[in-house]
Amino acid sequence: MANSTHTELVQTNGDALWTFLRDKEEWAKLIPGYLSHEVQAEDAMIWEFKGDFGIVEKAVKVQVNVKEVIENKKIAFDLAGISDNINGEGYFEMEEVEEGKYNVIGNLNMKAGGFLAAMINPVLEKYVPQTIEQHVQAIAQQISQATV
């Protein structure tokens, strides 16, 4: 399973950061390669994004289900492939460093299944770290701009 965690420091207040992280639609739009999203229920949505998987760029659809919310701390989710046999999980967490400064921590795990797994999983080893780094950087930038 491809796994990566990335952390960015942001200067903001805790309420503003948590409000942003709790709103899945806000950070869904910041996914690298974002194409669209569809809210199905309070804790379920579909993301569609263009993934650059080395030699192939393709649109990927995944079902996102929130599995855990720790108020003012963490939101964790599962990913289930709709268009492809790629599944995983991840989370976004906020950690106060000092007053007015927070680490935004993002984690993503993805694994391909099926007959193409042997070819796709090595590509995910490179794709997942780049994706979570870019996503957390975009979240940090969005938070920083909103609280300036």
N, C-alpha and C. Protein backbone atom coordinates (compact mmCIF):
# COMPACT_ATOMS: atom_id res chain seq x y z
N MET A 1 0.85 -1.17 0.00
CA MET A 1 0.00 0.00 0.00
C MET A 1 0.89 1.24 0.00
N ALA A 2 0.66 2.15 -0.93
CA ALA A 2 1.40 3.41 -0.98
C ALA A 2 0.88 4.30 0.14
N ASN A 3 1.79 4.83 0.94
CA ASN A 3 1.41 5.61 2.12
C ASN A 3 2.32 6.83 2.22
N SER A 4 1.73 7.99 2.54
CA SER A 4 2.54 9.18 2.73
C SER A 4 1.81 10.15 3.65
N THR A 5 2.60 10.90 4.41
CA THR A 5 2.09 11.94 5.30
C THR A 5 2.86 13.22 5.01
N HIS A 6 2.15 14.34 5.01
CA HIS A 6 2.79 15.64 4.79
C HIS A 6 2.23 16.64 5.79
N THR A 7 3.10 17.54 6.28
CA THR A 7 2.72 18.54 7.26
C THR A 7 3.09 19.93 6.77
N GLU A 8 2.20 20.88 6.97
CA GLU A 8 2.45 22.29 6.66
C GLU A 8 2.06 23.12 7.88
N LEU A 9 2.84 24.14 8.18
CA LEU A 9 2.56 25.06 9.27
C LEU A 9 1.74 26.23 8.73
N VAL A 10 0.64 26.56 9.41
CA VAL A 10 -0.18 27.70 9.01
C VAL A 10 -0.41 28.61 10.20
N GLN A 11 -0.48 29.89 9.90
CA GLN A 11 -0.80 30.87 10.93
C GLN A 11 -2.28 31.19 10.79
N THR A 12 -3.07 30.77 11.76
CA THR A 12 -4.51 30.95 11.73
C THR A 12 -5.06 30.70 13.12
N ASN A 13 -6.37 30.84 13.26
CA ASN A 13 -6.96 30.45 14.54
C ASN A 13 -7.59 29.07 14.38
N GLY A 14 -7.70 28.38 15.48
CA GLY A 14 -8.17 27.00 15.47
C GLY A 14 -9.58 26.85 14.93
N ASP A 15 -10.46 27.78 15.25
CA ASP A 15 -11.85 27.68 14.77
C ASP A 15 -11.93 27.77 13.25
N ALA A 16 -11.17 28.70 12.67
CA ALA A 16 -11.19 28.86 11.21
C ALA A 16 -10.62 27.61 10.53
N LEU A 17 -9.56 27.07 11.08
CA LEU A 17 -8.95 25.88 10.49
C LEU A 17 -9.90 24.70 10.59
N TRP A 18 -10.50 24.47 11.75
CA TRP A 18 -11.41 23.34 11.90
C TRP A 18 -12.63 23.49 11.00
N THR A 19 -13.17 24.69 10.89
CA THR A 19 -14.32 24.92 10.00
C THR A 19 -13.97 24.52 8.58
N PHE A 20 -12.78 24.88 8.14
CA PHE A 20 -12.34 24.52 6.80
C PHE A 20 -12.18 23.01 6.66
N LEU A 21 -11.50 22.37 7.59
CA LEU A 21 -11.26 20.93 7.49
C LEU A 21 -12.55 20.13 7.59
N ARG A 22 -13.48 20.58 8.37
CA ARG A 22 -14.75 19.86 8.55
C ARG A 22 -15.61 19.91 7.29
N ASP A 23 -15.39 20.92 6.44
CA ASP A 23 -16.17 21.08 5.22
C ASP A 23 -15.46 20.37 4.06
N LYS A 24 -15.84 19.13 3.82
CA LYS A 24 -15.19 18.31 2.79
C LYS A 24 -15.20 18.96 1.42
N GLU A 25 -16.24 19.73 1.13
CA GLU A 25 -16.31 20.38 -0.18
C GLU A 25 -15.19 21.39 -0.37
N GLU A 26 -14.77 22.03 0.71
CA GLU A 26 -13.68 23.00 0.62
C GLU A 26 -12.38 22.34 0.19
N TRP A 27 -12.03 21.23 0.86
CA TRP A 27 -10.75 20.63 0.50
C TRP A 27 -10.84 19.68 -0.68
N ALA A 28 -12.04 19.24 -1.05
CA ALA A 28 -12.18 18.41 -2.25
C ALA A 28 -11.74 19.19 -3.49
N LYS A 29 -12.06 20.48 -3.52
CA LYS A 29 -11.72 21.32 -4.68
C LYS A 29 -10.23 21.54 -4.82
N LEU A 30 -9.47 21.23 -3.80
CA LEU A 30 -8.03 21.46 -3.81
C LEU A 30 -7.22 20.21 -4.15
N ILE A 31 -7.91 19.10 -4.43
CA ILE A 31 -7.23 17.87 -4.82
C ILE A 31 -6.47 18.13 -6.12
N PRO A 32 -5.20 17.75 -6.21
CA PRO A 32 -4.49 17.90 -7.47
C PRO A 32 -5.24 17.17 -8.60
N GLY A 33 -5.46 17.86 -9.69
CA GLY A 33 -6.18 17.28 -10.82
C GLY A 33 -7.69 17.31 -10.66
N TYR A 34 -8.20 18.09 -9.71
CA TYR A 34 -9.64 18.15 -9.42
C TYR A 34 -10.45 18.38 -10.70
N LEU A 35 -11.49 17.55 -10.87
CA LEU A 35 -12.44 17.73 -11.97
C LEU A 35 -13.82 18.08 -11.43
N SER A 36 -14.30 17.31 -10.44
CA SER A 36 -15.62 17.58 -9.87
C SER A 36 -15.80 16.78 -8.59
N HIS A 37 -16.88 17.11 -7.88
CA HIS A 37 -17.28 16.32 -6.72
C HIS A 37 -18.79 16.37 -6.60
N GLU A 38 -19.32 15.38 -5.95
CA GLU A 38 -20.77 15.28 -5.75
C GLU A 38 -21.04 14.82 -4.33
N VAL A 39 -21.79 15.63 -3.59
CA VAL A 39 -22.13 15.28 -2.22
C VAL A 39 -23.31 14.32 -2.26
N GLN A 40 -23.17 13.18 -1.60
CA GLN A 40 -24.23 12.18 -1.56
C GLN A 40 -24.96 12.20 -0.23
N ALA A 41 -24.24 12.49 0.82
CA ALA A 41 -24.79 12.54 2.17
C ALA A 41 -23.82 13.38 3.00
N GLU A 42 -24.19 13.62 4.25
CA GLU A 42 -23.33 14.45 5.09
C GLU A 42 -21.90 13.93 5.16
N ASP A 43 -21.74 12.63 5.20
CA ASP A 43 -20.41 12.05 5.33
C ASP A 43 -20.00 11.19 4.14
N ALA A 44 -20.59 11.46 2.98
CA ALA A 44 -20.24 10.69 1.78
C ALA A 44 -20.28 11.58 0.55
N MET A 45 -19.27 11.42 -0.28
CA MET A 45 -19.24 12.16 -1.54
C MET A 45 -18.43 11.39 -2.57
N ILE A 46 -18.55 11.81 -3.81
CA ILE A 46 -17.76 11.23 -4.90
C ILE A 46 -16.81 12.31 -5.40
N TRP A 47 -15.55 11.95 -5.53
CA TRP A 47 -14.55 12.84 -6.11
C TRP A 47 -14.19 12.33 -7.49
N GLU A 48 -13.99 13.25 -8.40
CA GLU A 48 -13.43 12.90 -9.70
C GLU A 48 -12.23 13.80 -9.93
N PHE A 49 -11.11 13.18 -10.23
CA PHE A 49 -9.89 13.94 -10.46
C PHE A 49 -9.07 13.26 -11.54
N LYS A 50 -8.22 14.05 -12.18
CA LYS A 50 -7.32 13.52 -13.19
C LYS A 50 -6.03 13.14 -12.50
N GLY A 51 -5.69 11.88 -12.56
CA GLY A 51 -4.46 11.40 -11.95
C GLY A 51 -3.38 11.22 -13.00
N ASP A 52 -2.18 11.65 -12.68
CA ASP A 52 -1.03 11.46 -13.56
C ASP A 52 -0.28 10.25 -13.02
N PHE A 53 -0.51 9.11 -13.65
CA PHE A 53 0.06 7.85 -13.19
C PHE A 53 1.26 7.45 -14.05
N GLY A 54 2.20 8.38 -14.19
CA GLY A 54 3.40 8.09 -14.97
C GLY A 54 3.14 8.20 -16.45
N ILE A 55 2.98 7.07 -17.12
CA ILE A 55 2.77 7.08 -18.56
C ILE A 55 1.32 7.34 -18.95
N VAL A 56 0.42 7.30 -17.98
CA VAL A 56 -1.00 7.47 -18.27
C VAL A 56 -1.60 8.55 -17.37
N GLU A 57 -2.36 9.45 -17.99
CA GLU A 57 -3.20 10.40 -17.25
C GLU A 57 -4.63 9.95 -17.47
N LYS A 58 -5.38 9.83 -16.40
CA LYS A 58 -6.77 9.41 -16.57
C LYS A 58 -7.63 9.98 -15.46
N ALA A 59 -8.91 10.11 -15.77
CA ALA A 59 -9.88 10.55 -14.78
C ALA A 59 -10.21 9.36 -13.88
N VAL A 60 -10.23 9.63 -12.59
CA VAL A 60 -10.50 8.60 -11.59
C VAL A 60 -11.66 9.08 -10.73
N LYS A 61 -12.60 8.18 -10.46
CA LYS A 61 -13.71 8.48 -9.56
C LYS A 61 -13.58 7.60 -8.33
N VAL A 62 -13.70 8.25 -7.16
CA VAL A 62 -13.67 7.50 -5.90
C VAL A 62 -14.81 7.93 -4.99
N GLN A 63 -15.32 6.98 -4.25
CA GLN A 63 -16.31 7.24 -3.20
C GLN A 63 -15.53 7.59 -1.94
N VAL A 64 -15.86 8.70 -1.30
CA VAL A 64 -15.20 9.13 -0.08
C VAL A 64 -16.21 9.05 1.05
N ASN A 65 -15.89 8.28 2.07
CA ASN A 65 -16.76 8.13 3.24
C ASN A 65 -15.99 8.54 4.48
N VAL A 66 -16.52 9.54 5.18
CA VAL A 66 -15.90 9.96 6.44
C VAL A 66 -16.13 8.85 7.46
N LYS A 67 -15.06 8.40 8.09
CA LYS A 67 -15.19 7.30 9.05
C LYS A 67 -14.96 7.73 10.48
N GLU A 68 -14.32 8.89 10.67
CA GLU A 68 -14.06 9.35 12.03
C GLU A 68 -13.91 10.86 12.04
N VAL A 69 -14.54 11.48 13.00
CA VAL A 69 -14.37 12.91 13.23
C VAL A 69 -14.08 13.11 14.71
N ILE A 70 -12.94 13.70 14.99
CA ILE A 70 -12.60 14.10 16.34
C ILE A 70 -12.63 15.62 16.31
N GLU A 71 -13.65 16.19 16.92
CA GLU A 71 -13.89 17.63 16.86
C GLU A 71 -12.63 18.43 17.17
N ASN A 72 -12.39 19.43 16.33
CA ASN A 72 -11.25 20.35 16.48
C ASN A 72 -9.90 19.65 16.45
N LYS A 73 -9.86 18.48 15.78
CA LYS A 73 -8.61 17.71 15.76
C LYS A 73 -8.37 16.98 14.44
N LYS A 74 -9.34 16.11 14.05
CA LYS A 74 -9.04 15.19 12.94
C LYS A 74 -10.31 14.77 12.22
N ILE A 75 -10.17 14.59 10.90
CA ILE A 75 -11.23 14.00 10.08
C ILE A 75 -10.57 12.91 9.23
N ALA A 76 -11.08 11.68 9.35
CA ALA A 76 -10.51 10.54 8.64
C ALA A 76 -11.55 9.98 7.67
N PHE A 77 -11.07 9.43 6.56
CA PHE A 77 -11.97 8.96 5.52
C PHE A 77 -11.44 7.71 4.83
N ASP A 78 -12.36 6.97 4.24
CA ASP A 78 -12.03 5.83 3.38
C ASP A 78 -12.27 6.22 1.94
N LEU A 79 -11.51 5.63 1.03
CA LEU A 79 -11.68 5.83 -0.40
C LEU A 79 -11.98 4.48 -1.04
N ALA A 80 -13.00 4.45 -1.87
CA ALA A 80 -13.33 3.22 -2.61
C ALA A 80 -13.44 3.57 -4.09
N GLY A 81 -12.64 2.93 -4.89
CA GLY A 81 -12.64 3.21 -6.32
C GLY A 81 -13.97 2.89 -6.98
N ILE A 82 -14.43 3.80 -7.80
CA ILE A 82 -15.64 3.58 -8.59
C ILE A 82 -15.25 3.25 -10.03
N SER A 83 -14.35 4.05 -10.60
CA SER A 83 -13.94 3.84 -11.98
C SER A 83 -12.80 2.83 -12.09
N ASP A 84 -12.06 2.67 -11.02
CA ASP A 84 -10.89 1.78 -11.03
C ASP A 84 -10.82 1.05 -9.69
N ASN A 85 -10.12 -0.07 -9.69
CA ASN A 85 -9.96 -0.86 -8.48
C ASN A 85 -8.80 -0.28 -7.65
N ILE A 86 -9.02 0.94 -7.14
CA ILE A 86 -8.05 1.61 -6.28
C ILE A 86 -8.79 2.01 -5.01
N ASN A 87 -8.30 1.56 -3.89
CA ASN A 87 -8.94 1.84 -2.60
C ASN A 87 -7.92 2.41 -1.64
N GLY A 88 -8.41 3.00 -0.56
CA GLY A 88 -7.48 3.54 0.41
C GLY A 88 -8.17 4.25 1.55
N GLU A 89 -7.39 5.06 2.22
CA GLU A 89 -7.88 5.83 3.35
C GLU A 89 -6.94 7.00 3.57
N GLY A 90 -7.39 7.94 4.40
CA GLY A 90 -6.56 9.08 4.71
C GLY A 90 -7.16 9.90 5.82
N TYR A 91 -6.48 10.98 6.16
CA TYR A 91 -7.00 11.88 7.17
C TYR A 91 -6.35 13.25 7.03
N PHE A 92 -7.02 14.23 7.62
CA PHE A 92 -6.46 15.56 7.82
C PHE A 92 -6.56 15.83 9.31
N GLU A 93 -5.48 16.34 9.85
CA GLU A 93 -5.42 16.58 11.29
C GLU A 93 -4.82 17.97 11.53
N MET A 94 -5.28 18.62 12.57
CA MET A 94 -4.70 19.89 12.97
C MET A 94 -4.06 19.74 14.33
N GLU A 95 -2.90 20.37 14.49
CA GLU A 95 -2.14 20.25 15.73
C GLU A 95 -1.61 21.63 16.09
N GLU A 96 -2.02 22.13 17.24
CA GLU A 96 -1.55 23.46 17.65
C GLU A 96 -0.08 23.39 18.03
N VAL A 97 0.70 24.28 17.43
CA VAL A 97 2.13 24.36 17.70
C VAL A 97 2.37 25.41 18.78
N GLU A 98 1.73 26.55 18.59
CA GLU A 98 1.72 27.63 19.57
C GLU A 98 0.51 28.49 19.23
N GLU A 99 0.20 29.43 20.06
CA GLU A 99 -1.00 30.21 19.83
C GLU A 99 -0.97 30.86 18.45
N GLY A 100 -2.00 30.57 17.67
CA GLY A 100 -2.12 31.14 16.33
C GLY A 100 -1.34 30.40 15.25
N LYS A 101 -0.70 29.30 15.59
CA LYS A 101 0.07 28.52 14.60
C LYS A 101 -0.31 27.04 14.74
N TYR A 102 -0.64 26.44 13.61
CA TYR A 102 -1.07 25.05 13.59
C TYR A 102 -0.35 24.27 12.50
N ASN A 103 -0.06 23.03 12.78
CA ASN A 103 0.36 22.10 11.74
C ASN A 103 -0.90 21.52 11.13
N VAL A 104 -0.96 21.52 9.81
CA VAL A 104 -1.99 20.79 9.08
C VAL A 104 -1.31 19.53 8.57
N ILE A 105 -1.81 18.39 8.98
CA ILE A 105 -1.20 17.11 8.65
C ILE A 105 -2.16 16.34 7.76
N GLY A 106 -1.67 15.90 6.62
CA GLY A 106 -2.48 15.09 5.72
C GLY A 106 -1.81 13.74 5.52
N ASN A 107 -2.62 12.72 5.45
CA ASN A 107 -2.12 11.36 5.24
C ASN A 107 -2.98 10.69 4.18
N LEU A 108 -2.34 9.92 3.30
CA LEU A 108 -3.05 9.20 2.26
C LEU A 108 -2.42 7.84 2.05
N ASN A 109 -3.27 6.81 2.00
CA ASN A 109 -2.86 5.44 1.68
C ASN A 109 -3.71 4.99 0.51
N MET A 110 -3.08 4.42 -0.51
CA MET A 110 -3.84 3.90 -1.65
C MET A 110 -3.22 2.59 -2.12
N LYS A 111 -4.11 1.71 -2.59
CA LYS A 111 -3.66 0.41 -3.08
C LYS A 111 -4.57 -0.01 -4.23
N ALA A 112 -3.95 -0.49 -5.29
CA ALA A 112 -4.71 -1.01 -6.43
C ALA A 112 -4.93 -2.50 -6.24
N GLY A 113 -6.05 -2.96 -6.76
CA GLY A 113 -6.36 -4.38 -6.74
C GLY A 113 -6.62 -4.86 -8.16
N GLY A 114 -6.95 -6.11 -8.30
CA GLY A 114 -7.28 -6.65 -9.62
C GLY A 114 -6.06 -7.04 -10.41
N PHE A 115 -6.30 -7.34 -11.69
CA PHE A 115 -5.22 -7.88 -12.52
C PHE A 115 -4.15 -6.85 -12.88
N LEU A 116 -4.44 -5.55 -12.75
CA LEU A 116 -3.44 -4.53 -13.05
C LEU A 116 -2.68 -4.05 -11.81
N ALA A 117 -2.97 -4.63 -10.65
CA ALA A 117 -2.36 -4.18 -9.40
C ALA A 117 -0.84 -4.21 -9.45
N ALA A 118 -0.26 -5.23 -10.04
CA ALA A 118 1.20 -5.34 -10.09
C ALA A 118 1.83 -4.18 -10.87
N MET A 119 1.10 -3.62 -11.82
CA MET A 119 1.62 -2.49 -12.59
C MET A 119 1.27 -1.16 -11.92
N ILE A 120 0.11 -1.05 -11.31
CA ILE A 120 -0.36 0.23 -10.77
C ILE A 120 0.24 0.53 -9.40
N ASN A 121 0.39 -0.46 -8.53
CA ASN A 121 0.90 -0.19 -7.19
C ASN A 121 2.29 0.47 -7.17
N PRO A 122 3.24 0.08 -8.02
CA PRO A 122 4.51 0.81 -8.04
C PRO A 122 4.34 2.28 -8.47
N VAL A 123 3.40 2.56 -9.34
CA VAL A 123 3.13 3.94 -9.76
C VAL A 123 2.54 4.73 -8.60
N LEU A 124 1.66 4.08 -7.81
CA LEU A 124 1.07 4.74 -6.65
C LEU A 124 2.12 5.12 -5.62
N GLU A 125 3.21 4.37 -5.55
CA GLU A 125 4.29 4.68 -4.60
C GLU A 125 4.86 6.07 -4.85
N LYS A 126 4.84 6.52 -6.08
CA LYS A 126 5.31 7.86 -6.42
C LYS A 126 4.16 8.87 -6.39
N TYR A 127 3.00 8.44 -6.85
CA TYR A 127 1.84 9.33 -6.97
C TYR A 127 1.31 9.79 -5.62
N VAL A 128 1.19 8.90 -4.66
CA VAL A 128 0.59 9.22 -3.36
C VAL A 128 1.38 10.30 -2.61
N PRO A 129 2.71 10.20 -2.47
CA PRO A 129 3.43 11.27 -1.77
C PRO A 129 3.30 12.64 -2.44
N GLN A 130 3.37 12.67 -3.77
CA GLN A 130 3.22 13.94 -4.50
C GLN A 130 1.83 14.52 -4.29
N THR A 131 0.82 13.66 -4.35
CA THR A 131 -0.56 14.12 -4.24
C THR A 131 -0.85 14.68 -2.85
N ILE A 132 -0.47 13.97 -1.80
CA ILE A 132 -0.79 14.46 -0.46
C ILE A 132 0.03 15.71 -0.15
N GLU A 133 1.25 15.80 -0.63
CA GLU A 133 2.05 17.01 -0.41
C GLU A 133 1.39 18.21 -1.09
N GLN A 134 1.00 18.07 -2.34
CA GLN A 134 0.36 19.16 -3.06
C GLN A 134 -0.98 19.54 -2.43
N HIS A 135 -1.72 18.53 -1.99
CA HIS A 135 -3.04 18.78 -1.40
C HIS A 135 -2.91 19.54 -0.08
N VAL A 136 -2.01 19.12 0.78
CA VAL A 136 -1.83 19.79 2.07
C VAL A 136 -1.27 21.20 1.85
N GLN A 137 -0.38 21.38 0.90
CA GLN A 137 0.13 22.71 0.59
C GLN A 137 -1.00 23.63 0.12
N ALA A 138 -1.89 23.11 -0.71
CA ALA A 138 -3.03 23.90 -1.19
C ALA A 138 -3.97 24.26 -0.06
N ILE A 139 -4.20 23.34 0.84
CA ILE A 139 -5.06 23.60 2.01
C ILE A 139 -4.42 24.70 2.87
N ALA A 140 -3.12 24.57 3.14
CA ALA A 140 -2.43 25.56 3.96
C ALA A 140 -2.47 26.94 3.32
N GLN A 141 -2.28 26.97 2.01
CA GLN A 141 -2.34 28.26 1.30
C GLN A 141 -3.73 28.86 1.37
N GLN A 142 -4.76 28.04 1.18
CA GLN A 142 -6.14 28.51 1.23
C GLN A 142 -6.47 29.04 2.62
N ILE A 143 -6.07 28.34 3.64
CA ILE A 143 -6.31 28.78 5.03
C ILE A 143 -5.58 30.09 5.30
N SER A 144 -4.31 30.17 4.88
CA SER A 144 -3.53 31.37 5.11
C SER A 144 -4.15 32.59 4.43
N GLN A 145 -4.64 32.43 3.21
CA GLN A 145 -5.26 33.53 2.48
C GLN A 145 -6.58 33.95 3.13
N ALA A 146 -7.31 32.98 3.65
CA ALA A 146 -8.62 33.28 4.25
C ALA A 146 -8.48 34.00 5.58
N THR A 147 -7.37 33.83 6.27
CA THR A 147 -7.24 34.43 7.59
C THR A 147 -6.31 35.64 7.60
N VAL A 148 -5.87 36.10 6.45
CA VAL A 148 -5.02 37.29 6.39
C VAL A 148 -5.86 38.53 6.49
